[in-house]
Amino acid sequence: MKTLSKFICVAVIFLSFLLSWPQSSLAASLCPEDGQTMSKVELYFGLDIPGGGKVKPTEWQSFIDNEITPRFPDGLTIDTVSGQWRDAQTNKTIQEESRMVMILYTPSAEAEEAIEDIRNTYKSKFQQDSVMRLDESNCVSF
């Protein structure tokens, strides 16, 4: 019984250690030799314009070419997605065609500023309430 108690105690301490370890350190330690730890951001852009209309394909491509690519020229991924959200004023579910942009980058103050500039520019240009941001730390190899 004492052996089982010691095992449980050691397991709890080890688990507590892992859970308290910063995620970036954990990801780096689990990354294979040919990989590197990078940040990943997914940005979700709604295409409906309040008051009517949609962001046109040419407008979207212009936004990619002029706002996102210059800030992250090493590459990105774009996907067509369908989203929905609840309008706080009407309490109705709104469905909306959207675009998701995924960018892998080395964390820095400049990258954070670039991401926020992209979000703010889109919100201003297309009268959006928000551009959803989802962040992760990943092990990446090419």
Protein backbone atom coordinates (compact mmCIF):
# COMPACT_ATOMS: atom_id res chain seq x y z
CA MET A 1 0.00 0.00 0.00
CA LYS A 2 2.89 2.36 0.80
CA THR A 3 4.34 1.75 -2.69
CA LEU A 4 1.02 2.65 -4.33
CA SER A 5 0.78 5.83 -2.23
CA LYS A 6 4.33 6.83 -3.22
CA PHE A 7 3.55 6.15 -6.89
CA ILE A 8 0.38 8.28 -6.76
CA CYS A 9 2.26 11.06 -4.97
CA VAL A 10 5.04 11.06 -7.59
CA ALA A 11 2.49 10.96 -10.42
CA VAL A 12 0.57 13.93 -8.97
CA ILE A 13 3.79 15.94 -8.55
CA PHE A 14 4.88 15.13 -12.11
CA LEU A 15 1.45 16.04 -13.54
CA SER A 16 1.41 19.29 -11.54
CA PHE A 17 4.86 20.08 -12.92
CA LEU A 18 3.74 19.50 -16.51
CA LEU A 19 0.58 21.56 -16.10
CA SER A 20 2.51 24.48 -14.61
CA TRP A 21 5.22 24.39 -17.30
CA PRO A 22 4.73 27.13 -19.93
CA GLN A 23 3.13 25.72 -23.09
CA SER A 24 5.88 27.08 -25.35
CA SER A 25 8.52 25.23 -23.26
CA LEU A 26 6.43 22.06 -23.35
CA ALA A 27 5.96 22.33 -27.13
CA ALA A 28 9.70 22.97 -27.63
CA SER A 29 10.63 19.93 -25.55
CA LEU A 30 8.27 17.70 -27.57
CA CYS A 31 9.37 19.06 -30.95
CA PRO A 32 11.50 16.65 -33.04
CA GLU A 33 15.02 17.69 -34.00
CA ASP A 34 13.98 18.84 -37.48
CA GLY A 35 11.09 20.93 -36.10
CA GLN A 36 10.85 24.30 -34.48
CA THR A 37 8.33 25.86 -32.15
CA MET A 38 6.32 28.57 -33.91
CA SER A 39 3.24 30.56 -33.11
CA LYS A 40 0.13 30.01 -35.19
CA VAL A 41 -2.68 32.50 -35.53
CA GLU A 42 -5.99 31.91 -37.25
CA LEU A 43 -7.96 35.02 -38.19
CA TYR A 44 -11.63 34.73 -39.13
CA PHE A 45 -13.02 37.40 -41.45
CA GLY A 46 -16.77 37.69 -41.98
CA LEU A 47 -17.78 38.68 -45.51
CA ASP A 48 -21.21 40.22 -44.77
CA ILE A 49 -21.18 44.01 -44.59
CA PRO A 50 -23.57 45.51 -42.03
CA GLY A 51 -26.45 47.28 -43.75
CA GLY A 52 -26.23 44.98 -46.78
CA GLY A 53 -23.78 43.67 -49.27
CA LYS A 54 -20.77 41.42 -49.09
CA VAL A 55 -17.03 41.80 -49.42
CA LYS A 56 -16.46 41.11 -53.13
CA PRO A 57 -13.86 38.53 -54.22
CA THR A 58 -11.75 41.30 -55.77
CA GLU A 59 -11.91 43.31 -52.52
CA TRP A 60 -10.90 40.25 -50.49
CA GLN A 61 -7.97 39.52 -52.84
CA SER A 62 -6.89 43.16 -52.67
CA PHE A 63 -6.97 42.97 -48.86
CA ILE A 64 -4.79 39.82 -48.95
CA ASP A 65 -2.37 41.40 -51.44
CA ASN A 66 -2.09 44.81 -49.77
CA GLU A 67 -2.59 44.18 -46.05
CA ILE A 68 -1.69 40.60 -45.13
CA THR A 69 0.98 39.44 -47.59
CA PRO A 70 3.29 42.45 -47.09
CA ARG A 71 3.21 41.84 -43.31
CA PHE A 72 3.73 38.05 -43.61
CA PRO A 73 5.49 37.45 -46.95
CA ASP A 74 6.79 33.98 -46.01
CA GLY A 75 3.36 32.44 -46.55
CA LEU A 76 -0.09 31.83 -45.19
CA THR A 77 -3.10 29.61 -45.72
CA ILE A 78 -6.59 30.81 -46.65
CA ASP A 79 -9.71 28.70 -46.31
CA THR A 80 -13.38 29.31 -47.06
CA VAL A 81 -15.46 28.66 -43.95
CA SER A 82 -19.04 29.11 -42.81
CA GLY A 83 -19.64 30.60 -39.41
CA GLN A 84 -22.50 31.56 -37.21
CA TRP A 85 -22.93 33.77 -34.20
CA ARG A 86 -25.73 35.17 -32.08
CA ASP A 87 -26.61 38.82 -32.56
CA ALA A 88 -26.72 40.35 -29.07
CA GLN A 89 -29.34 42.95 -30.07
CA THR A 90 -31.83 40.67 -31.81
CA ASN A 91 -30.85 37.38 -30.13
CA LYS A 92 -30.98 35.75 -33.58
CA THR A 93 -28.44 33.32 -34.98
CA ILE A 94 -26.63 34.82 -37.95
CA GLN A 95 -24.92 32.60 -40.51
CA GLU A 96 -22.15 34.12 -42.54
CA GLU A 97 -19.67 33.08 -45.20
CA SER A 98 -16.18 33.82 -43.94
CA ARG A 99 -12.50 33.40 -44.68
CA MET A 100 -9.95 31.93 -42.30
CA VAL A 101 -6.32 32.98 -42.67
CA MET A 102 -3.70 30.87 -40.88
CA ILE A 103 -0.22 32.29 -40.37
CA LEU A 104 2.80 30.57 -38.79
CA TYR A 105 5.35 33.02 -37.41
CA THR A 106 8.18 33.50 -34.96
CA PRO A 107 6.77 35.34 -31.94
CA SER A 108 7.80 38.99 -31.73
CA ALA A 109 6.37 42.38 -30.87
CA GLU A 110 6.45 43.26 -34.58
CA ALA A 111 4.41 40.19 -35.52
CA GLU A 112 1.83 40.95 -32.82
CA GLU A 113 1.53 44.53 -34.07
CA ALA A 114 1.14 43.30 -37.66
CA ILE A 115 -1.65 40.89 -36.68
CA GLU A 116 -3.54 43.61 -34.81
CA ASP A 117 -3.05 46.05 -37.72
CA ILE A 118 -4.58 43.46 -40.09
CA ARG A 119 -7.58 42.97 -37.78
CA ASN A 120 -8.15 46.69 -37.25
CA THR A 121 -7.80 47.53 -40.94
CA TYR A 122 -10.35 44.89 -41.94
CA LYS A 123 -12.83 46.01 -39.27
CA SER A 124 -12.52 49.62 -40.38
CA LYS A 125 -12.55 48.97 -44.14
CA PHE A 126 -15.56 46.62 -44.10
CA GLN A 127 -17.48 47.96 -41.05
CA GLN A 128 -16.96 44.74 -39.05
CA ASP A 129 -17.60 44.43 -35.32
CA SER A 130 -14.77 41.92 -34.95
CA VAL A 131 -12.20 39.68 -36.56
CA MET A 132 -11.87 36.56 -34.44
CA ARG A 133 -8.32 35.57 -33.47
CA LEU A 134 -7.25 32.09 -32.37
CA ASP A 135 -3.65 31.52 -31.18
CA GLU A 136 -1.61 28.36 -30.63
CA SER A 137 1.98 27.26 -30.22
CA ASN A 138 2.99 24.44 -32.55
CA CYS A 139 5.92 22.27 -33.50
CA VAL A 140 6.56 22.88 -37.21
CA SER A 141 8.85 21.29 -39.77
CA PHE A 142 9.01 21.89 -43.51
